[in-house]
């Protein structure tokens, strides 16, 4: 994600797109220097790079010590220095990656930032909804399996609070982002589970031909093992077509695993995070109204 760091204080700001710079309350980069303008400059992600634009400020904006012409866009690169007005407002672009979704709780200073392509609201441990990306756009996904696109400046009611979203533009097809680089389709992988006798320890390997990627041991993998067993049971029963195999009612899942629905949502979020970081295309967990299943039947379970 895009990050600016203040040279003297070390304060770091996560960049949304657009991100306004100035003394006005609500600015993404809030300036304290009295010589700075209320709306001094803006930073915007163009799908490939960050751009800076001076908004006709009184004392100017500077990129690598060169004063910018008002309302003219200039491309930024990681390591570039900016200052706004006087030199005290000196900032470095320390991360030039594209922005993720940012959620700001209306009426407070609370800000939540998407990490690894996902953002759980109101918080990870108590997720009512999850905002996720498929590398081309952002979607809100509920525990009931609904999935709808989200847009910039959209507000979402989550429990008692309202959140406003900052949603970046979709990346250009010519420049892959972190989310779209080296994605491996799930259907070419074997999921190899290592399950202890008491089922308290579960680790997982991704097998891609002769390549084996250990994903380590995680508590969330118990949910995957449970869903893999249900899908294998339907597959071996031979009475259901493949599109209907492995679907489990959330109520049944709660009863059999002793998990709350919030715990299930949290585990789903963490599983998707692990697979996304491993370069696997979306789909490891599939949802539809009131039901859930593992997104592949190619699984192997090993015990000591």
C-alpha atoms as a PDB file:
ATOM      1  CA  UNK A   1       0.000   0.000   0.000  1.00  0.00           C
ATOM      2  CA  UNK A   2       1.123   3.587  -0.473  1.00  0.00           C
ATOM      3  CA  UNK A   3       2.895   5.044   2.563  1.00  0.00           C
ATOM      4  CA  UNK A   4       4.232   8.533   3.290  1.00  0.00           C
ATOM      5  CA  UNK A   5       6.581   9.147   6.218  1.00  0.00           C
ATOM      6  CA  UNK A   6       7.193  12.531   7.824  1.00  0.00           C
ATOM      7  CA  UNK A   7      10.937  13.210   7.958  1.00  0.00           C
ATOM      8  CA  UNK A   8      11.199  14.723  11.438  1.00  0.00           C
ATOM      9  CA  UNK A   9       8.445  13.013  13.440  1.00  0.00           C
ATOM     10  CA  UNK A  10       8.523   9.637  11.694  1.00  0.00           C
ATOM     11  CA  UNK A  11       4.721   9.711  11.442  1.00  0.00           C
ATOM     12  CA  UNK A  12       3.458   7.381   8.714  1.00  0.00           C
ATOM     13  CA  UNK A  13       0.296   7.928   6.677  1.00  0.00           C
ATOM     14  CA  UNK A  14      -1.490   5.266   4.636  1.00  0.00           C
ATOM     15  CA  UNK A  15      -2.548   6.741   1.311  1.00  0.00           C
ATOM     16  CA  UNK A  16      -6.060   6.407  -0.011  1.00  0.00           C
ATOM     17  CA  UNK A  17      -6.916   7.522  -3.516  1.00  0.00           C
ATOM     18  CA  UNK A  18      -7.495  10.383  -3.747  1.00  0.00           C
ATOM     19  CA  UNK A  19      -5.645  11.637  -0.672  1.00  0.00           C
ATOM     20  CA  UNK A  20      -5.758  15.349   0.055  1.00  0.00           C
ATOM     21  CA  UNK A  21      -2.849  17.137   1.721  1.00  0.00           C
ATOM     22  CA  UNK A  22      -3.423  20.263   3.792  1.00  0.00           C
ATOM     23  CA  UNK A  23      -4.413  21.886   7.069  1.00  0.00           C
ATOM     24  CA  UNK A  24      -8.137  21.227   6.629  1.00  0.00           C
ATOM     25  CA  UNK A  25      -9.614  18.735   9.070  1.00  0.00           C
ATOM     26  CA  UNK A  26     -10.232  15.428   7.353  1.00  0.00           C
ATOM     27  CA  UNK A  27      -7.165  15.706   5.112  1.00  0.00           C
ATOM     28  CA  UNK A  28      -5.510  12.355   4.467  1.00  0.00           C
ATOM     29  CA  UNK A  29      -2.120  13.987   5.086  1.00  0.00           C
ATOM     30  CA  UNK A  30      -2.808  16.586   7.767  1.00  0.00           C
ATOM     31  CA  UNK A  31      -0.263  19.424   7.809  1.00  0.00           C
ATOM     32  CA  UNK A  32       0.441  21.429  10.960  1.00  0.00           C
ATOM     33  CA  UNK A  33       2.576  24.156   9.386  1.00  0.00           C
ATOM     34  CA  UNK A  34       0.691  27.447   9.372  1.00  0.00           C
ATOM     35  CA  UNK A  35       2.287  28.326   6.029  1.00  0.00           C
ATOM     36  CA  UNK A  36       0.530  25.401   4.360  1.00  0.00           C
ATOM     37  CA  UNK A  37      -2.819  25.845   2.630  1.00  0.00           C
ATOM     38  CA  UNK A  38      -6.039  24.217   3.802  1.00  0.00           C
ATOM     39  CA  UNK A  39      -6.163  22.256   0.537  1.00  0.00           C
ATOM     40  CA  UNK A  40      -2.521  22.242  -0.414  1.00  0.00           C
ATOM     41  CA  UNK A  41      -2.034  19.245  -2.728  1.00  0.00           C
ATOM     42  CA  UNK A  42      -3.477  15.884  -3.655  1.00  0.00           C
ATOM     43  CA  UNK A  43      -2.082  12.394  -4.151  1.00  0.00           C
ATOM     44  CA  UNK A  44      -3.864   9.995  -6.482  1.00  0.00           C
ATOM     45  CA  UNK A  45      -3.302   6.447  -7.740  1.00  0.00           C
ATOM     46  CA  UNK A  46      -3.676   6.310 -11.537  1.00  0.00           C
ATOM     47  CA  UNK A  47      -3.801   2.502 -11.744  1.00  0.00           C
ATOM     48  CA  UNK A  48      -0.026   2.194 -12.196  1.00  0.00           C
ATOM     49  CA  UNK A  49       1.678   4.926 -10.135  1.00  0.00           C
ATOM     50  CA  UNK A  50       1.055   7.568  -7.508  1.00  0.00           C
ATOM     51  CA  UNK A  51       0.728  11.124  -8.788  1.00  0.00           C
ATOM     52  CA  UNK A  52       1.066  14.399  -6.880  1.00  0.00           C
ATOM     53  CA  UNK A  53      -0.726  17.615  -7.838  1.00  0.00           C
ATOM     54  CA  UNK A  54      -0.304  21.034  -6.251  1.00  0.00           C
ATOM     55  CA  UNK A  55      -3.754  22.598  -5.820  1.00  0.00           C
ATOM     56  CA  UNK A  56      -2.656  26.180  -6.269  1.00  0.00           C
ATOM     57  CA  UNK A  57      -1.192  26.417  -2.775  1.00  0.00           C
ATOM     58  CA  UNK A  58       0.122  29.696  -1.412  1.00  0.00           C
ATOM     59  CA  UNK A  59       3.664  28.461  -0.678  1.00  0.00           C
ATOM     60  CA  UNK A  60       4.007  25.653  -3.195  1.00  0.00           C
ATOM     61  CA  UNK A  61       4.609  21.914  -3.294  1.00  0.00           C
ATOM     62  CA  UNK A  62       8.022  20.461  -4.101  1.00  0.00           C
ATOM     63  CA  UNK A  63       9.125  17.126  -5.566  1.00  0.00           C
ATOM     64  CA  UNK A  64      12.841  16.384  -5.217  1.00  0.00           C
ATOM     65  CA  UNK A  65      13.359  20.102  -4.415  1.00  0.00           C
ATOM     66  CA  UNK A  66      11.638  21.197  -7.653  1.00  0.00           C
ATOM     67  CA  UNK A  67       8.568  23.375  -7.253  1.00  0.00           C
ATOM     68  CA  UNK A  68       5.505  21.950  -8.959  1.00  0.00           C
ATOM     69  CA  UNK A  69       3.375  23.936 -11.351  1.00  0.00           C
ATOM     70  CA  UNK A  70      -0.167  24.357  -9.955  1.00  0.00           C
ATOM     71  CA  UNK A  71      -2.653  21.695 -11.106  1.00  0.00           C
ATOM     72  CA  UNK A  72       0.004  19.777 -13.067  1.00  0.00           C
ATOM     73  CA  UNK A  73       0.332  16.072 -12.231  1.00  0.00           C
ATOM     74  CA  UNK A  74       3.749  14.535 -11.540  1.00  0.00           C
ATOM     75  CA  UNK A  75       4.517  10.824 -11.190  1.00  0.00           C
ATOM     76  CA  UNK A  76       6.040   9.579  -7.937  1.00  0.00           C
ATOM     77  CA  UNK A  77       8.451   6.720  -7.302  1.00  0.00           C
ATOM     78  CA  UNK A  78       9.443   4.989  -4.099  1.00  0.00           C
ATOM     79  CA  UNK A  79      12.036   7.038  -2.237  1.00  0.00           C
ATOM     80  CA  UNK A  80      10.853  10.371  -3.651  1.00  0.00           C
ATOM     81  CA  UNK A  81      10.818  13.322  -1.250  1.00  0.00           C
ATOM     82  CA  UNK A  82       7.980  15.837  -1.143  1.00  0.00           C
ATOM     83  CA  UNK A  83       7.544  18.965   0.887  1.00  0.00           C
ATOM     84  CA  UNK A  84       4.545  21.193   1.182  1.00  0.00           C
ATOM     85  CA  UNK A  85       5.086  24.884   1.938  1.00  0.00           C
ATOM     86  CA  UNK A  86       8.074  25.149   4.231  1.00  0.00           C
ATOM     87  CA  UNK A  87      10.729  22.431   4.518  1.00  0.00           C
ATOM     88  CA  UNK A  88       9.341  21.310   7.906  1.00  0.00           C
ATOM     89  CA  UNK A  89       6.581  19.498   6.014  1.00  0.00           C
ATOM     90  CA  UNK A  90       8.953  17.085   4.322  1.00  0.00           C
ATOM     91  CA  UNK A  91       7.617  13.617   3.467  1.00  0.00           C
ATOM     92  CA  UNK A  92       9.102  10.520   1.840  1.00  0.00           C
ATOM     93  CA  UNK A  93       7.172   7.997  -0.251  1.00  0.00           C
ATOM     94  CA  UNK A  94       8.422   4.829   1.464  1.00  0.00           C
ATOM     95  CA  UNK A  95       6.007   2.427  -0.237  1.00  0.00           C
ATOM     96  CA  UNK A  96       4.864   3.049  -3.807  1.00  0.00           C
ATOM     97  CA  UNK A  97       2.499   0.083  -4.116  1.00  0.00           C
ATOM     98  CA  UNK A  98      -1.094   0.679  -5.059  1.00  0.00           C
ATOM     99  CA  UNK A  99      -3.676   1.490  -2.409  1.00  0.00           C
ATOM    100  CA  UNK A 100      -5.974  -0.939  -0.711  1.00  0.00           C
ATOM    101  CA  UNK A 101      -9.394  -0.254   0.710  1.00  0.00           C
ATOM    102  CA  UNK A 102      -9.477   2.062   3.720  1.00  0.00           C
ATOM    103  CA  UNK A 103     -12.506   2.237   6.012  1.00  0.00           C
ATOM    104  CA  UNK A 104     -13.079   5.264   8.258  1.00  0.00           C
ATOM    105  CA  UNK A 105     -15.674   5.045  10.998  1.00  0.00           C
ATOM    106  CA  UNK A 106     -17.921   8.083  10.718  1.00  0.00           C
ATOM    107  CA  UNK A 107     -17.914  10.193  13.860  1.00  0.00           C
ATOM    108  CA  UNK A 108     -14.544   8.927  15.101  1.00  0.00           C
ATOM    109  CA  UNK A 109     -10.853   8.816  14.223  1.00  0.00           C
ATOM    110  CA  UNK A 110     -10.883   5.032  13.772  1.00  0.00           C
ATOM    111  CA  UNK A 111      -9.383   3.866  10.477  1.00  0.00           C
ATOM    112  CA  UNK A 112      -9.066   0.299   9.209  1.00  0.00           C
ATOM    113  CA  UNK A 113      -6.801  -0.649   6.290  1.00  0.00           C
ATOM    114  CA  UNK A 114      -7.019  -3.727   4.069  1.00  0.00           C
ATOM    115  CA  UNK A 115      -4.071  -6.085   4.439  1.00  0.00           C
ATOM    116  CA  UNK A 116      -3.169  -8.814   1.966  1.00  0.00           C
ATOM    117  CA  UNK A 117      -6.269  -8.052  -0.073  1.00  0.00           C
ATOM    118  CA  UNK A 118      -8.848  -8.277   2.699  1.00  0.00           C
ATOM    119  CA  UNK A 119     -10.445  -6.082   5.351  1.00  0.00           C
ATOM    120  CA  UNK A 120     -12.733  -7.418   8.072  1.00  0.00           C
ATOM    121  CA  UNK A 121     -15.252  -5.073   9.738  1.00  0.00           C
ATOM    122  CA  UNK A 122     -15.809  -4.075  12.444  1.00  0.00           C
ATOM    123  CA  UNK A 123     -12.595  -5.941  13.303  1.00  0.00           C
ATOM    124  CA  UNK A 124     -10.850  -9.182  12.431  1.00  0.00           C
ATOM    125  CA  UNK A 125     -11.868 -10.990  15.625  1.00  0.00           C
ATOM    126  CA  UNK A 126     -15.513  -9.954  15.242  1.00  0.00           C
ATOM    127  CA  UNK A 127     -16.039  -9.870  11.485  1.00  0.00           C
ATOM    128  CA  UNK A 128     -19.575  -9.181  10.336  1.00  0.00           C
ATOM    129  CA  UNK A 129     -18.477  -8.471   6.756  1.00  0.00           C
ATOM    130  CA  UNK A 130     -15.260  -8.841   4.803  1.00  0.00           C
ATOM    131  CA  UNK A 131     -14.110  -6.629   1.943  1.00  0.00           C
ATOM    132  CA  UNK A 132     -11.933  -8.596  -0.479  1.00  0.00           C
ATOM    133  CA  UNK A 133     -10.275  -8.193  -3.856  1.00  0.00           C
ATOM    134  CA  UNK A 134      -9.939 -10.583  -6.764  1.00  0.00           C
ATOM    135  CA  UNK A 135      -7.108  -8.504  -8.223  1.00  0.00           C
ATOM    136  CA  UNK A 136      -9.454  -6.584 -10.522  1.00  0.00           C
ATOM    137  CA  UNK A 137     -11.926  -5.005  -8.128  1.00  0.00           C
ATOM    138  CA  UNK A 138     -13.163  -4.927  -4.526  1.00  0.00           C
ATOM    139  CA  UNK A 139     -16.232  -6.663  -3.110  1.00  0.00           C
ATOM    140  CA  UNK A 140     -18.099  -6.808   0.176  1.00  0.00           C
ATOM    141  CA  UNK A 141     -18.883 -10.320   1.324  1.00  0.00           C
ATOM    142  CA  UNK A 142     -21.297 -11.185   4.115  1.00  0.00           C
ATOM    143  CA  UNK A 143     -21.439 -14.279   6.260  1.00  0.00           C
ATOM    144  CA  UNK A 144     -24.515 -15.371   4.276  1.00  0.00           C
ATOM    145  CA  UNK A 145     -22.451 -15.640   1.102  1.00  0.00           C
ATOM    146  CA  UNK A 146     -23.609 -12.434  -0.598  1.00  0.00           C
ATOM    147  CA  UNK A 147     -20.888 -10.717  -2.639  1.00  0.00           C
ATOM    148  CA  UNK A 148     -21.366  -7.246  -4.116  1.00  0.00           C
ATOM    149  CA  UNK A 149     -18.947  -4.702  -5.633  1.00  0.00           C
ATOM    150  CA  UNK A 150     -18.051  -1.680  -3.515  1.00  0.00           C
ATOM    151  CA  UNK A 151     -17.282   1.811  -4.778  1.00  0.00           C
ATOM    152  CA  UNK A 152     -15.286   4.777  -3.571  1.00  0.00           C
ATOM    153  CA  UNK A 153     -17.003   6.890  -0.873  1.00  0.00           C
ATOM    154  CA  UNK A 154     -19.614   4.179  -0.279  1.00  0.00           C
ATOM    155  CA  UNK A 155     -20.906   3.904   3.278  1.00  0.00           C
ATOM    156  CA  UNK A 156     -21.635   0.605   4.991  1.00  0.00           C
ATOM    157  CA  UNK A 157     -23.661   0.084   8.146  1.00  0.00           C
ATOM    158  CA  UNK A 158     -21.978  -2.543  10.325  1.00  0.00           C
ATOM    159  CA  UNK A 159     -23.752  -3.042  13.617  1.00  0.00           C
ATOM    160  CA  UNK A 160     -24.189   0.320  15.324  1.00  0.00           C
ATOM    161  CA  UNK A 161     -21.570   2.133  13.268  1.00  0.00           C
ATOM    162  CA  UNK A 162     -21.285   3.533   9.754  1.00  0.00           C
ATOM    163  CA  UNK A 163     -18.046   3.212   7.783  1.00  0.00           C
ATOM    164  CA  UNK A 164     -17.003   5.221   4.732  1.00  0.00           C
ATOM    165  CA  UNK A 165     -14.798   3.419   2.225  1.00  0.00           C
ATOM    166  CA  UNK A 166     -11.898   4.742   0.213  1.00  0.00           C
ATOM    167  CA  UNK A 167     -11.703   2.340  -2.749  1.00  0.00           C
ATOM    168  CA  UNK A 168      -8.798   2.575  -5.211  1.00  0.00           C
ATOM    169  CA  UNK A 169      -9.322   2.447  -8.965  1.00  0.00           C
ATOM    170  CA  UNK A 170      -8.925  -0.937 -10.580  1.00  0.00           C
ATOM    171  CA  UNK A 171      -5.364  -1.706 -11.692  1.00  0.00           C
ATOM    172  CA  UNK A 172      -4.520  -1.440 -15.374  1.00  0.00           C
ATOM    173  CA  UNK A 173      -4.180  -4.701 -17.251  1.00  0.00           C
ATOM    174  CA  UNK A 174      -0.643  -3.838 -18.293  1.00  0.00           C
ATOM    175  CA  UNK A 175       0.816  -3.511 -14.807  1.00  0.00           C
ATOM    176  CA  UNK A 176       0.104  -6.378 -12.417  1.00  0.00           C
ATOM    177  CA  UNK A 177      -0.230  -5.576  -8.733  1.00  0.00           C
ATOM    178  CA  UNK A 178       0.697  -7.740  -5.774  1.00  0.00           C
ATOM    179  CA  UNK A 179      -2.729  -9.340  -5.913  1.00  0.00           C
ATOM    180  CA  UNK A 180      -2.441 -10.360  -9.581  1.00  0.00           C
ATOM    181  CA  UNK A 181       1.181 -11.473  -9.872  1.00  0.00           C
ATOM    182  CA  UNK A 182       2.002 -15.178 -10.216  1.00  0.00           C
ATOM    183  CA  UNK A 183      -1.473 -16.429  -9.378  1.00  0.00           C
ATOM    184  CA  UNK A 184      -1.854 -20.202  -9.446  1.00  0.00           C
ATOM    185  CA  UNK A 185      -5.259 -21.730 -10.169  1.00  0.00           C
ATOM    186  CA  UNK A 186      -6.608 -23.749  -7.285  1.00  0.00           C
ATOM    187  CA  UNK A 187      -7.696 -26.632  -9.509  1.00  0.00           C
ATOM    188  CA  UNK A 188      -4.116 -27.593 -10.371  1.00  0.00           C
ATOM    189  CA  UNK A 189      -3.059 -27.939  -6.719  1.00  0.00           C
ATOM    190  CA  UNK A 190      -3.236 -30.805  -4.238  1.00  0.00           C
ATOM    191  CA  UNK A 191      -3.963 -29.791  -0.643  1.00  0.00           C
ATOM    192  CA  UNK A 192      -2.048 -32.166   1.626  1.00  0.00           C
ATOM    193  CA  UNK A 193      -3.150 -31.965   5.267  1.00  0.00           C
ATOM    194  CA  UNK A 194      -1.031 -33.322   8.127  1.00  0.00           C
ATOM    195  CA  UNK A 195      -3.395 -34.012  11.022  1.00  0.00           C
ATOM    196  CA  UNK A 196      -2.306 -35.097  14.519  1.00  0.00           C
ATOM    197  CA  UNK A 197      -4.159 -37.966  16.201  1.00  0.00           C
ATOM    198  CA  UNK A 198      -6.022 -35.623  18.544  1.00  0.00           C
ATOM    199  CA  UNK A 199      -6.622 -33.178  15.627  1.00  0.00           C
ATOM    200  CA  UNK A 200      -5.205 -30.304  17.676  1.00  0.00           C
ATOM    201  CA  UNK A 201      -2.336 -29.753  15.247  1.00  0.00           C
ATOM    202  CA  UNK A 202      -2.992 -29.380  11.528  1.00  0.00           C
ATOM    203  CA  UNK A 203      -0.488 -28.220   8.939  1.00  0.00           C
ATOM    204  CA  UNK A 204      -0.918 -27.918   5.199  1.00  0.00           C
ATOM    205  CA  UNK A 205       1.247 -28.300   2.101  1.00  0.00           C
ATOM    206  CA  UNK A 206       0.382 -27.070  -1.372  1.00  0.00           C
ATOM    207  CA  UNK A 207       1.560 -29.594  -3.955  1.00  0.00           C
ATOM    208  CA  UNK A 208       1.943 -28.259  -7.491  1.00  0.00           C
ATOM    209  CA  UNK A 209       3.461 -31.037  -9.586  1.00  0.00           C
ATOM    210  CA  UNK A 210       6.922 -31.541  -8.118  1.00  0.00           C
ATOM    211  CA  UNK A 211       6.753 -28.311  -6.117  1.00  0.00           C
ATOM    212  CA  UNK A 212       5.710 -28.466  -2.461  1.00  0.00           C
ATOM    213  CA  UNK A 213       4.958 -25.255  -0.548  1.00  0.00           C
ATOM    214  CA  UNK A 214       4.479 -25.755   3.210  1.00  0.00           C
ATOM    215  CA  UNK A 215       1.912 -23.319   4.605  1.00  0.00           C
ATOM    216  CA  UNK A 216       2.662 -24.222   8.203  1.00  0.00           C
ATOM    217  CA  UNK A 217       0.346 -25.033  11.084  1.00  0.00           C
ATOM    218  CA  UNK A 218      -2.714 -22.871  11.722  1.00  0.00           C
ATOM    219  CA  UNK A 219      -5.827 -23.256  13.843  1.00  0.00           C
ATOM    220  CA  UNK A 220      -7.962 -22.111  10.898  1.00  0.00           C
ATOM    221  CA  UNK A 221      -6.929 -25.205   8.915  1.00  0.00           C
ATOM    222  CA  UNK A 222      -9.263 -27.329  11.058  1.00  0.00           C
ATOM    223  CA  UNK A 223     -12.183 -25.684   9.252  1.00  0.00           C
ATOM    224  CA  UNK A 224     -10.634 -26.632   5.890  1.00  0.00           C
ATOM    225  CA  UNK A 225     -10.111 -30.240   6.997  1.00  0.00           C
ATOM    226  CA  UNK A 226     -13.730 -30.468   8.145  1.00  0.00           C
ATOM    227  CA  UNK A 227     -14.990 -29.081   4.825  1.00  0.00           C
ATOM    228  CA  UNK A 228     -12.643 -31.344   2.833  1.00  0.00           C
ATOM    229  CA  UNK A 229     -14.043 -34.398   4.642  1.00  0.00           C
ATOM    230  CA  UNK A 230     -17.604 -33.324   3.897  1.00  0.00           C
ATOM    231  CA  UNK A 231     -16.840 -32.849   0.226  1.00  0.00           C
ATOM    232  CA  UNK A 232     -15.039 -36.199   0.008  1.00  0.00           C
ATOM    233  CA  UNK A 233     -18.004 -37.920   1.699  1.00  0.00           C
ATOM    234  CA  UNK A 234     -20.398 -36.498  -0.907  1.00  0.00           C
ATOM    235  CA  UNK A 235     -17.983 -37.384  -3.699  1.00  0.00           C
ATOM    236  CA  UNK A 236     -17.696 -40.989  -2.552  1.00  0.00           C
ATOM    237  CA  UNK A 237     -21.470 -41.258  -2.044  1.00  0.00           C
ATOM    238  CA  UNK A 238     -22.013 -40.699  -5.754  1.00  0.00           C
ATOM    239  CA  UNK A 239     -25.530 -39.318  -5.400  1.00  0.00           C
ATOM    240  CA  UNK A 240     -24.813 -35.607  -5.846  1.00  0.00           C
ATOM    241  CA  UNK A 241     -23.464 -33.835  -8.934  1.00  0.00           C
ATOM    242  CA  UNK A 242     -20.123 -32.092  -8.415  1.00  0.00           C
ATOM    243  CA  UNK A 243     -21.566 -28.549  -8.113  1.00  0.00           C
ATOM    244  CA  UNK A 244     -23.630 -29.726  -5.118  1.00  0.00           C
ATOM    245  CA  UNK A 245     -20.933 -31.738  -3.353  1.00  0.00           C
ATOM    246  CA  UNK A 246     -19.487 -30.528  -0.079  1.00  0.00           C
ATOM    247  CA  UNK A 247     -21.961 -27.802   0.793  1.00  0.00           C
ATOM    248  CA  UNK A 248     -22.544 -27.563   4.554  1.00  0.00           C
ATOM    249  CA  UNK A 249     -25.228 -25.514   6.280  1.00  0.00           C
ATOM    250  CA  UNK A 250     -23.710 -22.911   8.607  1.00  0.00           C
ATOM    251  CA  UNK A 251     -26.015 -24.104  11.387  1.00  0.00           C
ATOM    252  CA  UNK A 252     -24.752 -27.683  10.962  1.00  0.00           C
ATOM    253  CA  UNK A 253     -21.138 -26.476  10.839  1.00  0.00           C
ATOM    254  CA  UNK A 254     -21.632 -24.544  14.078  1.00  0.00           C
ATOM    255  CA  UNK A 255     -23.143 -27.562  15.813  1.00  0.00           C
ATOM    256  CA  UNK A 256     -20.467 -30.022  14.688  1.00  0.00           C
ATOM    257  CA  UNK A 257     -17.407 -27.808  15.225  1.00  0.00           C
ATOM    258  CA  UNK A 258     -18.644 -25.813  18.264  1.00  0.00           C
ATOM    259  CA  UNK A 259     -17.637 -22.606  16.440  1.00  0.00           C
ATOM    260  CA  UNK A 260     -19.658 -19.437  16.502  1.00  0.00           C
ATOM    261  CA  UNK A 261     -20.559 -17.848  13.186  1.00  0.00           C
ATOM    262  CA  UNK A 262     -18.123 -15.023  13.945  1.00  0.00           C
ATOM    263  CA  UNK A 263     -15.333 -17.574  14.524  1.00  0.00           C
ATOM    264  CA  UNK A 264     -16.178 -19.240  11.218  1.00  0.00           C
ATOM    265  CA  UNK A 265     -16.005 -15.890   9.418  1.00  0.00           C
ATOM    266  CA  UNK A 266     -12.662 -15.137  11.067  1.00  0.00           C
ATOM    267  CA  UNK A 267     -11.234 -18.514  10.017  1.00  0.00           C
ATOM    268  CA  UNK A 268     -12.457 -18.000   6.439  1.00  0.00           C
ATOM    269  CA  UNK A 269     -10.754 -14.597   6.363  1.00  0.00           C
ATOM    270  CA  UNK A 270      -7.469 -16.056   7.646  1.00  0.00           C
ATOM    271  CA  UNK A 271      -7.565 -19.019   5.251  1.00  0.00           C
ATOM    272  CA  UNK A 272      -8.102 -16.749   2.266  1.00  0.00           C
ATOM    273  CA  UNK A 273      -5.277 -14.532   3.492  1.00  0.00           C
ATOM    274  CA  UNK A 274      -2.869 -17.505   3.671  1.00  0.00           C
ATOM    275  CA  UNK A 275      -3.788 -18.743   0.197  1.00  0.00           C
ATOM    276  CA  UNK A 276      -3.655 -15.268  -1.318  1.00  0.00           C
ATOM    277  CA  UNK A 277      -0.151 -14.780   0.085  1.00  0.00           C
ATOM    278  CA  UNK A 278       0.821 -18.163  -1.386  1.00  0.00           C
ATOM    279  CA  UNK A 279      -0.170 -16.922  -4.840  1.00  0.00           C
ATOM    280  CA  UNK A 280      -3.323 -19.032  -5.176  1.00  0.00           C
ATOM    281  CA  UNK A 281      -6.295 -17.693  -7.114  1.00  0.00           C
ATOM    282  CA  UNK A 282      -9.413 -16.898  -5.136  1.00  0.00           C
ATOM    283  CA  UNK A 283     -11.875 -19.693  -4.400  1.00  0.00           C
ATOM    284  CA  UNK A 284     -10.428 -21.759  -1.558  1.00  0.00           C
ATOM    285  CA  UNK A 285     -13.651 -21.217   0.402  1.00  0.00           C
ATOM    286  CA  UNK A 286     -16.948 -20.882  -1.460  1.00  0.00           C
ATOM    287  CA  UNK A 287     -20.118 -19.462   0.053  1.00  0.00           C
ATOM    288  CA  UNK A 288     -23.758 -19.216  -0.880  1.00  0.00           C
ATOM    289  CA  UNK A 289     -26.821 -18.312   1.142  1.00  0.00           C
ATOM    290  CA  UNK A 290     -26.490 -20.093   4.499  1.00  0.00           C
ATOM    291  CA  UNK A 291     -23.914 -22.605   3.232  1.00  0.00           C
ATOM    292  CA  UNK A 292     -20.164 -23.022   2.819  1.00  0.00           C
ATOM    293  CA  UNK A 293     -17.769 -25.497   1.199  1.00  0.00           C
ATOM    294  CA  UNK A 294     -14.106 -25.971   0.325  1.00  0.00           C
ATOM    295  CA  UNK A 295     -13.380 -24.876  -3.233  1.00  0.00           C
ATOM    296  CA  UNK A 296     -11.495 -27.989  -4.334  1.00  0.00           C
ATOM    297  CA  UNK A 297     -11.961 -31.755  -4.104  1.00  0.00           C
ATOM    298  CA  UNK A 298      -8.243 -32.434  -4.621  1.00  0.00           C
ATOM    299  CA  UNK A 299      -7.241 -32.993  -1.001  1.00  0.00           C
ATOM    300  CA  UNK A 300      -5.178 -35.578   0.862  1.00  0.00           C
ATOM    301  CA  UNK A 301      -5.193 -36.170   4.612  1.00  0.00           C
ATOM    302  CA  UNK A 302      -2.171 -37.727   6.329  1.00  0.00           C
ATOM    303  CA  UNK A 303      -1.994 -38.843   9.965  1.00  0.00           C
ATOM    304  CA  UNK A 304       1.059 -39.857  12.026  1.00  0.00           C
END
